């Protein structure tokens, strides 16, 4: 089964389970608020650098990016990840355990998703079953804008960071220009389509 389809299906299943679980609480499935200030300060506390207040979650993002750069570029898992993404059959023939590598990649992704959920709940000061819904589209858009190939085996942390920054700049610019929410979805969808089309054209040209 294609990993993208499995991920999408699992996301929907877990989303439904979380909805049912939260509805068992005393607030009838509403947002979970009243988070402690200690918890929120772990994320939202600011550090003054050159007269600019920088929240701690910016530093957490930098640390996560550095760790992932090291994993991608300096470890066996990172090399195996590129090999499996580029050509599963060739990676398997060369002695790489495709199943083990795939499982480790998904585990690594799960850890990062959990970490980002921890950060986001403290950042907005509450949490609900719908928190983060649609964020996967922003993640896909940022990655493809940053040069990550949808066919696998191509991509850099620096490119992803660039894609995240560009996507955020676009989102802020659209809000500043007063573009409606529905049009923002349309524009983001078009960005993903164009980026993937360019990536596929490069892939076909190489073949």
Protein backbone atom coordinates (compact mmCIF):
# COMPACT_ATOMS: atom_id res chain seq x y z
CA UNK A 1 0.00 0.00 0.00
CA UNK A 2 1.19 3.50 -0.78
CA UNK A 3 2.45 5.21 2.41
CA UNK A 4 0.56 8.41 1.60
CA UNK A 5 -2.77 6.55 1.46
CA UNK A 6 -2.00 4.62 4.64
CA UNK A 7 -1.10 7.86 6.42
CA UNK A 8 -4.28 9.59 5.24
CA UNK A 9 -6.49 6.66 6.27
CA UNK A 10 -4.80 6.31 9.66
CA UNK A 11 -5.16 10.05 10.25
CA UNK A 12 -8.91 9.88 9.69
CA UNK A 13 -9.26 6.85 11.98
CA UNK A 14 -7.27 8.48 14.78
CA UNK A 15 -9.15 11.74 14.32
CA UNK A 16 -12.43 9.88 14.83
CA UNK A 17 -11.08 8.05 17.90
CA UNK A 18 -9.88 11.32 19.44
CA UNK A 19 -13.30 12.89 18.84
CA UNK A 20 -15.02 9.98 20.59
CA UNK A 21 -12.53 10.05 23.47
CA UNK A 22 -12.89 13.78 24.09
CA UNK A 23 -16.68 13.50 24.03
CA UNK A 24 -16.45 11.15 27.01
CA UNK A 25 -15.19 14.05 29.13
CA UNK A 26 -17.20 16.45 31.23
CA UNK A 27 -17.08 19.31 28.70
CA UNK A 28 -18.99 17.45 25.98
CA UNK A 29 -16.15 17.44 23.51
CA UNK A 30 -15.45 21.16 23.68
CA UNK A 31 -11.99 22.72 23.66
CA UNK A 32 -9.75 21.89 26.60
CA UNK A 33 -8.81 25.20 28.19
CA UNK A 34 -7.40 26.34 31.51
CA UNK A 35 -3.91 25.09 30.74
CA UNK A 36 -1.42 25.98 33.47
CA UNK A 37 0.79 29.01 33.05
CA UNK A 38 3.86 26.86 33.75
CA UNK A 39 3.04 24.68 30.75
CA UNK A 40 2.34 27.64 28.47
CA UNK A 41 5.48 29.46 29.58
CA UNK A 42 7.61 26.47 28.56
CA UNK A 43 6.62 27.35 24.99
CA UNK A 44 5.54 31.00 24.95
CA UNK A 45 8.12 32.52 27.29
CA UNK A 46 10.13 35.09 25.36
CA UNK A 47 13.85 35.82 25.33
CA UNK A 48 15.05 39.32 24.52
CA UNK A 49 17.64 39.32 21.73
CA UNK A 50 18.71 42.69 20.39
CA UNK A 51 15.51 44.30 21.61
CA UNK A 52 13.35 41.62 19.96
CA UNK A 53 11.21 39.26 22.03
CA UNK A 54 11.77 35.75 20.65
CA UNK A 55 9.42 33.03 21.99
CA UNK A 56 10.96 29.76 23.10
CA UNK A 57 9.14 27.73 20.45
CA UNK A 58 11.34 29.39 17.81
CA UNK A 59 14.39 27.90 19.52
CA UNK A 60 12.66 24.52 19.77
CA UNK A 61 12.08 24.62 16.01
CA UNK A 62 15.75 25.43 15.41
CA UNK A 63 16.86 22.57 17.68
CA UNK A 64 14.49 20.14 15.92
CA UNK A 65 15.80 21.27 12.51
CA UNK A 66 19.43 20.76 13.61
CA UNK A 67 18.67 17.30 14.98
CA UNK A 68 16.87 16.28 11.80
CA UNK A 69 19.71 17.66 9.65
CA UNK A 70 22.11 15.46 11.59
CA UNK A 71 19.86 12.39 11.22
CA UNK A 72 19.36 12.98 7.49
CA UNK A 73 22.98 13.66 6.64
CA UNK A 74 25.18 11.98 9.25
CA UNK A 75 23.49 8.71 10.19
CA UNK A 76 22.90 5.36 8.51
CA UNK A 77 19.15 5.87 8.85
CA UNK A 78 19.38 9.09 6.86
CA UNK A 79 21.33 7.44 4.05
CA UNK A 80 18.95 4.49 4.02
CA UNK A 81 16.00 6.87 3.94
CA UNK A 82 17.27 8.53 0.77
CA UNK A 83 18.02 5.13 -0.78
CA UNK A 84 14.56 3.71 -0.02
CA UNK A 85 12.89 6.89 -1.25
CA UNK A 86 14.84 6.87 -4.50
CA UNK A 87 14.40 3.18 -5.37
CA UNK A 88 12.90 0.57 -3.07
CA UNK A 89 14.04 -2.40 -5.16
CA UNK A 90 17.63 -1.16 -5.42
CA UNK A 91 17.75 -0.43 -1.69
CA UNK A 92 16.48 -3.92 -0.90
CA UNK A 93 19.04 -5.57 -3.21
CA UNK A 94 21.86 -3.55 -1.62
CA UNK A 95 21.06 -5.04 1.78
CA UNK A 96 18.97 -2.25 3.31
CA UNK A 97 16.02 -3.40 5.40
CA UNK A 98 13.23 -1.47 3.69
CA UNK A 99 10.62 -2.40 6.30
CA UNK A 100 12.85 -1.43 9.24
CA UNK A 101 13.80 1.86 7.59
CA UNK A 102 10.17 2.69 6.78
CA UNK A 103 9.03 1.90 10.34
CA UNK A 104 11.79 4.06 11.83
CA UNK A 105 10.85 6.94 9.53
CA UNK A 106 7.20 6.75 10.60
CA UNK A 107 8.26 6.52 14.27
CA UNK A 108 10.45 9.57 13.83
CA UNK A 109 7.55 11.41 12.20
CA UNK A 110 5.24 10.41 15.06
CA UNK A 111 7.66 11.82 17.63
CA UNK A 112 7.84 15.11 15.73
CA UNK A 113 4.04 15.27 15.37
CA UNK A 114 3.64 14.74 19.11
CA UNK A 115 6.24 17.40 19.84
CA UNK A 116 4.54 19.89 17.52
CA UNK A 117 1.18 19.14 19.16
CA UNK A 118 2.70 19.87 22.57
CA UNK A 119 4.04 23.18 21.24
CA UNK A 120 0.83 24.19 19.45
CA UNK A 121 -1.45 23.52 22.45
CA UNK A 122 0.68 25.76 24.67
CA UNK A 123 1.01 28.40 21.94
CA UNK A 124 -2.73 28.86 21.44
CA UNK A 125 -3.54 28.24 25.13
CA UNK A 126 -6.08 25.47 24.55
CA UNK A 127 -6.61 22.22 22.71
CA UNK A 128 -9.43 20.45 20.93
CA UNK A 129 -9.96 17.48 18.59
CA UNK A 130 -9.81 19.88 15.64
CA UNK A 131 -6.45 21.41 16.60
CA UNK A 132 -4.02 20.90 13.74
CA UNK A 133 -6.62 19.75 11.23
CA UNK A 134 -5.40 20.87 7.81
CA UNK A 135 -1.83 21.38 9.00
CA UNK A 136 -0.79 18.37 6.91
CA UNK A 137 -1.60 20.37 3.77
CA UNK A 138 0.67 23.19 4.91
CA UNK A 139 3.39 20.63 5.64
CA UNK A 140 3.07 19.11 2.16
CA UNK A 141 3.06 22.55 0.54
CA UNK A 142 6.14 23.67 2.49
CA UNK A 143 8.03 20.50 1.57
CA UNK A 144 7.28 20.58 -2.14
CA UNK A 145 8.03 24.32 -2.29
CA UNK A 146 11.32 23.55 -0.56
CA UNK A 147 12.35 20.99 -3.16
CA UNK A 148 11.30 17.71 -1.57
CA UNK A 149 10.42 15.33 -4.40
CA UNK A 150 7.02 13.66 -4.26
CA UNK A 151 8.61 10.66 -5.99
CA UNK A 152 11.06 10.25 -3.11
CA UNK A 153 14.80 10.32 -2.57
CA UNK A 154 15.28 14.08 -2.98
CA UNK A 155 15.12 16.82 -0.38
CA UNK A 156 17.11 18.82 2.14
CA UNK A 157 16.38 20.27 5.56
CA UNK A 158 17.50 23.70 4.34
CA UNK A 159 15.01 23.48 1.49
CA UNK A 160 12.18 22.52 3.84
CA UNK A 161 12.97 25.43 6.16
CA UNK A 162 12.96 27.75 3.15
CA UNK A 163 9.61 26.30 2.07
CA UNK A 164 8.13 26.82 5.54
CA UNK A 165 9.28 30.45 5.63
CA UNK A 166 8.00 31.16 2.11
CA UNK A 167 4.62 29.55 2.84
CA UNK A 168 4.29 31.53 6.06
CA UNK A 169 5.19 34.74 4.26
CA UNK A 170 2.53 33.97 1.64
CA UNK A 171 -0.08 33.24 4.34
CA UNK A 172 0.69 36.45 6.24
CA UNK A 173 0.65 38.46 3.00
CA UNK A 174 -2.74 37.02 2.00
CA UNK A 175 -4.18 37.89 5.41
CA UNK A 176 -2.65 41.36 5.28
CA UNK A 177 -4.21 41.89 1.84
CA UNK A 178 -7.57 40.85 3.24
CA UNK A 179 -7.92 37.73 1.09
CA UNK A 180 -10.82 35.59 2.30
CA UNK A 181 -10.26 32.21 3.92
CA UNK A 182 -11.76 30.26 1.03
CA UNK A 183 -9.46 31.97 -1.46
CA UNK A 184 -6.47 31.21 0.77
CA UNK A 185 -7.32 27.49 0.53
CA UNK A 186 -7.61 27.78 -3.24
CA UNK A 187 -4.25 29.56 -3.53
CA UNK A 188 -2.50 27.02 -1.29
CA UNK A 189 -4.01 24.20 -3.34
CA UNK A 190 -2.74 25.78 -6.54
CA UNK A 191 0.72 26.19 -5.00
CA UNK A 192 0.82 22.47 -4.17
CA UNK A 193 -0.36 21.50 -7.67
CA UNK A 194 2.19 23.72 -9.41
CA UNK A 195 5.05 22.58 -7.17
CA UNK A 196 4.20 18.89 -7.64
CA UNK A 197 3.77 19.38 -11.41
CA UNK A 198 7.23 20.96 -11.63
CA UNK A 199 8.68 18.12 -9.54
CA UNK A 200 7.06 15.46 -11.75
CA UNK A 201 8.32 17.22 -14.88
CA UNK A 202 11.88 17.05 -13.50
CA UNK A 203 11.37 13.37 -12.65
CA UNK A 204 10.12 12.53 -16.13
CA UNK A 205 12.95 14.50 -17.72
CA UNK A 206 15.50 12.43 -15.79
CA UNK A 207 13.87 9.18 -16.96
